[in-house]
Amino acid sequence: MIIFLCFYNQDKEKFFIEEKYDQAEIDKLTCMQIFSDLVSDYKFWRFFLFSFVIVGPKLVFALLFFMLPKIIIQDYGEDAPFGIYVSVAPLLIIIFLFCVQTF
């Protein structure tokens, strides 16, 4: 963080200063115009893709840790080796995700 602060350039902030908007023009906008502007913006689609890529594997791992112990107990009983299953399952998920992405 200190390195970033040492090389900080304040001139870059000028690109992010918001322009003044006319409130009358904003009041004229309809829901469909706002929606069409949103759908036509490439930043929305980048955010949508990023969210899809992050939420998908997160959901898989969450379901893994919630469901796997119940499945193991149901199949193998209370004396099942949980550590082996819990350590191998994420590796298999990661390998499977790489295989799915390449094909």
N, C-alpha and C. Protein backbone atom coordinates (compact mmCIF):
# COMPACT_ATOMS: atom_id res chain seq x y z
N MET A 1 0.83 -1.18 0.00
CA MET A 1 0.00 0.00 0.00
C MET A 1 0.88 1.25 0.00
N ILE A 2 1.96 1.21 0.71
CA ILE A 2 2.86 2.37 0.77
C ILE A 2 3.46 2.63 -0.60
N ILE A 3 3.76 1.57 -1.34
CA ILE A 3 4.32 1.74 -2.68
C ILE A 3 3.32 2.44 -3.59
N PHE A 4 2.05 2.05 -3.51
CA PHE A 4 1.02 2.71 -4.31
C PHE A 4 0.87 4.18 -3.94
N LEU A 5 0.93 4.47 -2.66
CA LEU A 5 0.81 5.86 -2.22
C LEU A 5 2.01 6.70 -2.65
N CYS A 6 3.18 6.09 -2.75
CA CYS A 6 4.37 6.84 -3.18
C CYS A 6 4.27 7.25 -4.65
N PHE A 7 3.66 6.40 -5.48
CA PHE A 7 3.57 6.67 -6.90
C PHE A 7 2.18 7.16 -7.32
N TYR A 8 1.41 7.67 -6.38
CA TYR A 8 0.04 8.13 -6.65
C TYR A 8 0.06 9.38 -7.49
N ASN A 9 -0.79 9.42 -8.51
CA ASN A 9 -0.88 10.57 -9.40
C ASN A 9 -2.30 11.13 -9.30
N GLN A 10 -2.43 12.34 -8.82
CA GLN A 10 -3.75 12.94 -8.63
C GLN A 10 -4.41 13.35 -9.94
N ASP A 11 -3.65 13.48 -11.00
CA ASP A 11 -4.24 13.85 -12.29
C ASP A 11 -5.16 12.77 -12.82
N LYS A 12 -4.98 11.54 -12.40
CA LYS A 12 -5.84 10.44 -12.85
C LYS A 12 -7.26 10.57 -12.30
N GLU A 13 -7.43 11.29 -11.22
CA GLU A 13 -8.76 11.45 -10.62
C GLU A 13 -9.68 12.32 -11.45
N LYS A 14 -9.14 13.12 -12.33
CA LYS A 14 -9.97 14.01 -13.14
C LYS A 14 -10.91 13.22 -14.06
N PHE A 15 -10.52 11.99 -14.41
CA PHE A 15 -11.36 11.17 -15.27
C PHE A 15 -12.60 10.67 -14.54
N PHE A 16 -12.57 10.65 -13.21
CA PHE A 16 -13.65 10.07 -12.43
C PHE A 16 -14.57 11.11 -11.79
N ILE A 17 -14.35 12.37 -12.04
CA ILE A 17 -15.21 13.41 -11.50
C ILE A 17 -16.53 13.39 -12.26
N GLU A 18 -17.62 13.33 -11.54
CA GLU A 18 -18.93 13.24 -12.18
C GLU A 18 -19.35 14.59 -12.75
N GLU A 19 -20.02 14.51 -13.87
CA GLU A 19 -20.54 15.71 -14.49
C GLU A 19 -21.83 16.12 -13.81
N LYS A 20 -22.18 17.37 -13.95
CA LYS A 20 -23.45 17.85 -13.41
C LYS A 20 -24.57 17.46 -14.36
N TYR A 21 -25.62 16.89 -13.81
CA TYR A 21 -26.75 16.44 -14.62
C TYR A 21 -27.95 17.34 -14.38
N ASP A 22 -28.75 17.49 -15.42
CA ASP A 22 -29.96 18.29 -15.34
C ASP A 22 -31.07 17.41 -14.76
N GLN A 23 -31.64 17.83 -13.67
CA GLN A 23 -32.67 17.04 -13.00
C GLN A 23 -33.92 16.91 -13.85
N ALA A 24 -34.22 17.89 -14.69
CA ALA A 24 -35.39 17.80 -15.57
C ALA A 24 -35.24 16.66 -16.58
N GLU A 25 -34.03 16.47 -17.10
CA GLU A 25 -33.79 15.36 -18.03
C GLU A 25 -33.91 14.01 -17.32
N ILE A 26 -33.47 13.96 -16.11
CA ILE A 26 -33.56 12.71 -15.34
C ILE A 26 -35.02 12.37 -15.06
N ASP A 27 -35.83 13.36 -14.77
CA ASP A 27 -37.25 13.12 -14.50
C ASP A 27 -38.00 12.63 -15.73
N LYS A 28 -37.53 12.96 -16.93
CA LYS A 28 -38.18 12.55 -18.16
C LYS A 28 -37.91 11.08 -18.51
N LEU A 29 -36.89 10.48 -17.94
CA LEU A 29 -36.53 9.10 -18.28
C LEU A 29 -37.61 8.12 -17.85
N THR A 30 -37.84 7.15 -18.70
CA THR A 30 -38.78 6.09 -18.35
C THR A 30 -38.00 4.85 -17.93
N CYS A 31 -38.72 3.91 -17.39
CA CYS A 31 -38.08 2.67 -16.94
C CYS A 31 -37.47 1.92 -18.13
N MET A 32 -38.13 1.91 -19.25
CA MET A 32 -37.62 1.20 -20.43
C MET A 32 -36.37 1.86 -20.98
N GLN A 33 -36.29 3.18 -20.95
CA GLN A 33 -35.08 3.87 -21.41
C GLN A 33 -33.89 3.54 -20.51
N ILE A 34 -34.14 3.52 -19.21
CA ILE A 34 -33.07 3.19 -18.27
C ILE A 34 -32.62 1.75 -18.48
N PHE A 35 -33.58 0.84 -18.68
CA PHE A 35 -33.25 -0.56 -18.91
C PHE A 35 -32.47 -0.74 -20.21
N SER A 36 -32.87 -0.05 -21.27
CA SER A 36 -32.15 -0.18 -22.55
C SER A 36 -30.74 0.38 -22.45
N ASP A 37 -30.56 1.46 -21.71
CA ASP A 37 -29.21 2.00 -21.49
C ASP A 37 -28.36 1.01 -20.70
N LEU A 38 -28.96 0.36 -19.73
CA LEU A 38 -28.24 -0.62 -18.93
C LEU A 38 -27.81 -1.81 -19.78
N VAL A 39 -28.71 -2.32 -20.60
CA VAL A 39 -28.41 -3.50 -21.42
C VAL A 39 -27.40 -3.18 -22.51
N SER A 40 -27.38 -1.97 -22.99
CA SER A 40 -26.44 -1.59 -24.05
C SER A 40 -25.06 -1.21 -23.52
N ASP A 41 -24.91 -1.11 -22.22
CA ASP A 41 -23.62 -0.71 -21.64
C ASP A 41 -22.72 -1.93 -21.47
N TYR A 42 -21.51 -1.86 -22.00
CA TYR A 42 -20.60 -3.00 -21.91
C TYR A 42 -20.13 -3.24 -20.47
N LYS A 43 -20.10 -2.23 -19.64
CA LYS A 43 -19.67 -2.40 -18.26
C LYS A 43 -20.64 -3.29 -17.49
N PHE A 44 -21.92 -3.18 -17.81
CA PHE A 44 -22.90 -4.06 -17.18
C PHE A 44 -22.64 -5.51 -17.52
N TRP A 45 -22.33 -5.78 -18.79
CA TRP A 45 -22.09 -7.16 -19.20
C TRP A 45 -20.79 -7.68 -18.62
N ARG A 46 -19.78 -6.84 -18.46
CA ARG A 46 -18.55 -7.28 -17.80
C ARG A 46 -18.82 -7.62 -16.35
N PHE A 47 -19.62 -6.80 -15.67
CA PHE A 47 -19.98 -7.08 -14.29
C PHE A 47 -20.81 -8.35 -14.20
N PHE A 48 -21.74 -8.54 -15.11
CA PHE A 48 -22.58 -9.73 -15.13
C PHE A 48 -21.75 -10.99 -15.32
N LEU A 49 -20.80 -10.96 -16.25
CA LEU A 49 -19.93 -12.10 -16.48
C LEU A 49 -19.05 -12.38 -15.27
N PHE A 50 -18.49 -11.32 -14.69
CA PHE A 50 -17.66 -11.49 -13.50
C PHE A 50 -18.47 -12.09 -12.36
N SER A 51 -19.68 -11.63 -12.15
CA SER A 51 -20.53 -12.17 -11.09
C SER A 51 -20.86 -13.63 -11.35
N PHE A 52 -21.13 -13.98 -12.60
CA PHE A 52 -21.44 -15.36 -12.95
C PHE A 52 -20.25 -16.27 -12.69
N VAL A 53 -19.05 -15.80 -13.04
CA VAL A 53 -17.84 -16.60 -12.85
C VAL A 53 -17.53 -16.78 -11.37
N ILE A 54 -17.78 -15.77 -10.56
CA ILE A 54 -17.48 -15.86 -9.13
C ILE A 54 -18.55 -16.63 -8.37
N VAL A 55 -19.81 -16.38 -8.67
CA VAL A 55 -20.90 -16.98 -7.90
C VAL A 55 -21.04 -18.47 -8.20
N GLY A 56 -20.78 -18.90 -9.42
CA GLY A 56 -20.93 -20.31 -9.77
C GLY A 56 -20.06 -21.24 -8.94
N PRO A 57 -18.74 -21.09 -8.96
CA PRO A 57 -17.90 -21.95 -8.12
C PRO A 57 -18.17 -21.77 -6.63
N LYS A 58 -18.48 -20.55 -6.20
CA LYS A 58 -18.80 -20.32 -4.78
C LYS A 58 -20.02 -21.14 -4.38
N LEU A 59 -21.01 -21.19 -5.24
CA LEU A 59 -22.21 -21.97 -4.96
C LEU A 59 -21.89 -23.46 -4.89
N VAL A 60 -21.04 -23.92 -5.79
CA VAL A 60 -20.66 -25.33 -5.78
C VAL A 60 -19.95 -25.69 -4.48
N PHE A 61 -19.01 -24.86 -4.06
CA PHE A 61 -18.28 -25.15 -2.82
C PHE A 61 -19.18 -25.04 -1.59
N ALA A 62 -20.10 -24.09 -1.59
CA ALA A 62 -21.02 -23.96 -0.45
C ALA A 62 -21.91 -25.19 -0.35
N LEU A 63 -22.45 -25.64 -1.48
CA LEU A 63 -23.26 -26.85 -1.45
C LEU A 63 -22.44 -28.07 -1.05
N LEU A 64 -21.18 -28.08 -1.46
CA LEU A 64 -20.31 -29.18 -1.09
C LEU A 64 -20.17 -29.28 0.43
N PHE A 65 -19.90 -28.18 1.07
CA PHE A 65 -19.67 -28.22 2.52
C PHE A 65 -20.95 -28.36 3.33
N PHE A 66 -22.09 -28.00 2.74
CA PHE A 66 -23.35 -28.20 3.45
C PHE A 66 -23.90 -29.61 3.26
N MET A 67 -23.74 -30.16 2.07
CA MET A 67 -24.38 -31.44 1.76
C MET A 67 -23.49 -32.66 1.95
N LEU A 68 -22.17 -32.48 1.75
CA LEU A 68 -21.28 -33.63 1.78
C LEU A 68 -21.29 -34.38 3.11
N PRO A 69 -21.25 -33.73 4.26
CA PRO A 69 -21.29 -34.49 5.51
C PRO A 69 -22.57 -35.33 5.66
N LYS A 70 -23.70 -34.79 5.25
CA LYS A 70 -24.95 -35.55 5.34
C LYS A 70 -24.94 -36.76 4.41
N ILE A 71 -24.39 -36.59 3.22
CA ILE A 71 -24.33 -37.70 2.27
C ILE A 71 -23.38 -38.78 2.78
N ILE A 72 -22.24 -38.37 3.33
CA ILE A 72 -21.27 -39.34 3.84
C ILE A 72 -21.84 -40.12 5.01
N ILE A 73 -22.50 -39.44 5.92
CA ILE A 73 -23.11 -40.13 7.07
C ILE A 73 -24.19 -41.10 6.60
N GLN A 74 -24.97 -40.69 5.61
CA GLN A 74 -26.03 -41.55 5.11
C GLN A 74 -25.46 -42.80 4.44
N ASP A 75 -24.37 -42.65 3.69
CA ASP A 75 -23.81 -43.79 2.96
C ASP A 75 -22.89 -44.67 3.79
N TYR A 76 -22.02 -44.05 4.61
CA TYR A 76 -20.96 -44.81 5.28
C TYR A 76 -21.10 -44.86 6.79
N GLY A 77 -22.02 -44.11 7.36
CA GLY A 77 -22.20 -44.12 8.81
C GLY A 77 -21.34 -43.08 9.51
N GLU A 78 -21.38 -43.12 10.83
CA GLU A 78 -20.69 -42.11 11.64
C GLU A 78 -19.17 -42.24 11.60
N ASP A 79 -18.65 -43.42 11.27
CA ASP A 79 -17.21 -43.65 11.31
C ASP A 79 -16.53 -43.40 9.96
N ALA A 80 -17.15 -42.70 9.07
CA ALA A 80 -16.59 -42.45 7.74
C ALA A 80 -15.43 -41.47 7.84
N PRO A 81 -14.43 -41.62 6.97
CA PRO A 81 -13.28 -40.69 6.97
C PRO A 81 -13.64 -39.36 6.29
N PHE A 82 -14.16 -38.42 7.07
CA PHE A 82 -14.59 -37.13 6.52
C PHE A 82 -13.43 -36.35 5.90
N GLY A 83 -12.27 -36.43 6.52
CA GLY A 83 -11.13 -35.64 6.04
C GLY A 83 -10.74 -35.96 4.62
N ILE A 84 -10.76 -37.23 4.27
CA ILE A 84 -10.39 -37.62 2.91
C ILE A 84 -11.40 -37.07 1.90
N TYR A 85 -12.68 -37.22 2.21
CA TYR A 85 -13.70 -36.74 1.27
C TYR A 85 -13.70 -35.22 1.15
N VAL A 86 -13.54 -34.55 2.26
CA VAL A 86 -13.59 -33.08 2.24
C VAL A 86 -12.35 -32.51 1.56
N SER A 87 -11.22 -33.19 1.62
CA SER A 87 -10.01 -32.68 0.98
C SER A 87 -9.95 -33.03 -0.51
N VAL A 88 -10.51 -34.15 -0.92
CA VAL A 88 -10.44 -34.58 -2.31
C VAL A 88 -11.54 -33.91 -3.14
N ALA A 89 -12.69 -33.69 -2.59
CA ALA A 89 -13.82 -33.15 -3.35
C ALA A 89 -13.53 -31.77 -3.96
N PRO A 90 -12.95 -30.79 -3.24
CA PRO A 90 -12.65 -29.51 -3.91
C PRO A 90 -11.65 -29.65 -5.05
N LEU A 91 -10.69 -30.54 -4.90
CA LEU A 91 -9.74 -30.74 -5.99
C LEU A 91 -10.43 -31.30 -7.24
N LEU A 92 -11.35 -32.23 -7.04
CA LEU A 92 -12.09 -32.76 -8.17
C LEU A 92 -12.98 -31.70 -8.81
N ILE A 93 -13.55 -30.83 -8.00
CA ILE A 93 -14.38 -29.75 -8.55
C ILE A 93 -13.54 -28.80 -9.39
N ILE A 94 -12.36 -28.44 -8.91
CA ILE A 94 -11.49 -27.53 -9.66
C ILE A 94 -11.05 -28.18 -10.97
N ILE A 95 -10.66 -29.44 -10.93
CA ILE A 95 -10.26 -30.14 -12.15
C ILE A 95 -11.44 -30.22 -13.13
N PHE A 96 -12.62 -30.52 -12.62
CA PHE A 96 -13.80 -30.59 -13.47
C PHE A 96 -14.11 -29.24 -14.09
N LEU A 97 -13.98 -28.15 -13.33
CA LEU A 97 -14.25 -26.82 -13.89
C LEU A 97 -13.26 -26.47 -15.01
N PHE A 98 -11.99 -26.83 -14.83
CA PHE A 98 -11.02 -26.58 -15.91
C PHE A 98 -11.35 -27.39 -17.15
N CYS A 99 -11.78 -28.64 -16.96
CA CYS A 99 -12.16 -29.47 -18.11
C CYS A 99 -13.38 -28.91 -18.83
N VAL A 100 -14.34 -28.43 -18.09
CA VAL A 100 -15.55 -27.87 -18.70
C VAL A 100 -15.22 -26.59 -19.46
N GLN A 101 -14.32 -25.77 -18.93
CA GLN A 101 -14.00 -24.50 -19.58
C GLN A 101 -13.21 -24.71 -20.86
N THR A 102 -12.40 -25.76 -20.94
CA THR A 102 -11.60 -25.96 -22.14
C THR A 102 -12.38 -26.59 -23.28
N PHE A 103 -13.47 -27.30 -22.99
CA PHE A 103 -14.22 -27.97 -24.06
C PHE A 103 -15.45 -27.23 -24.38
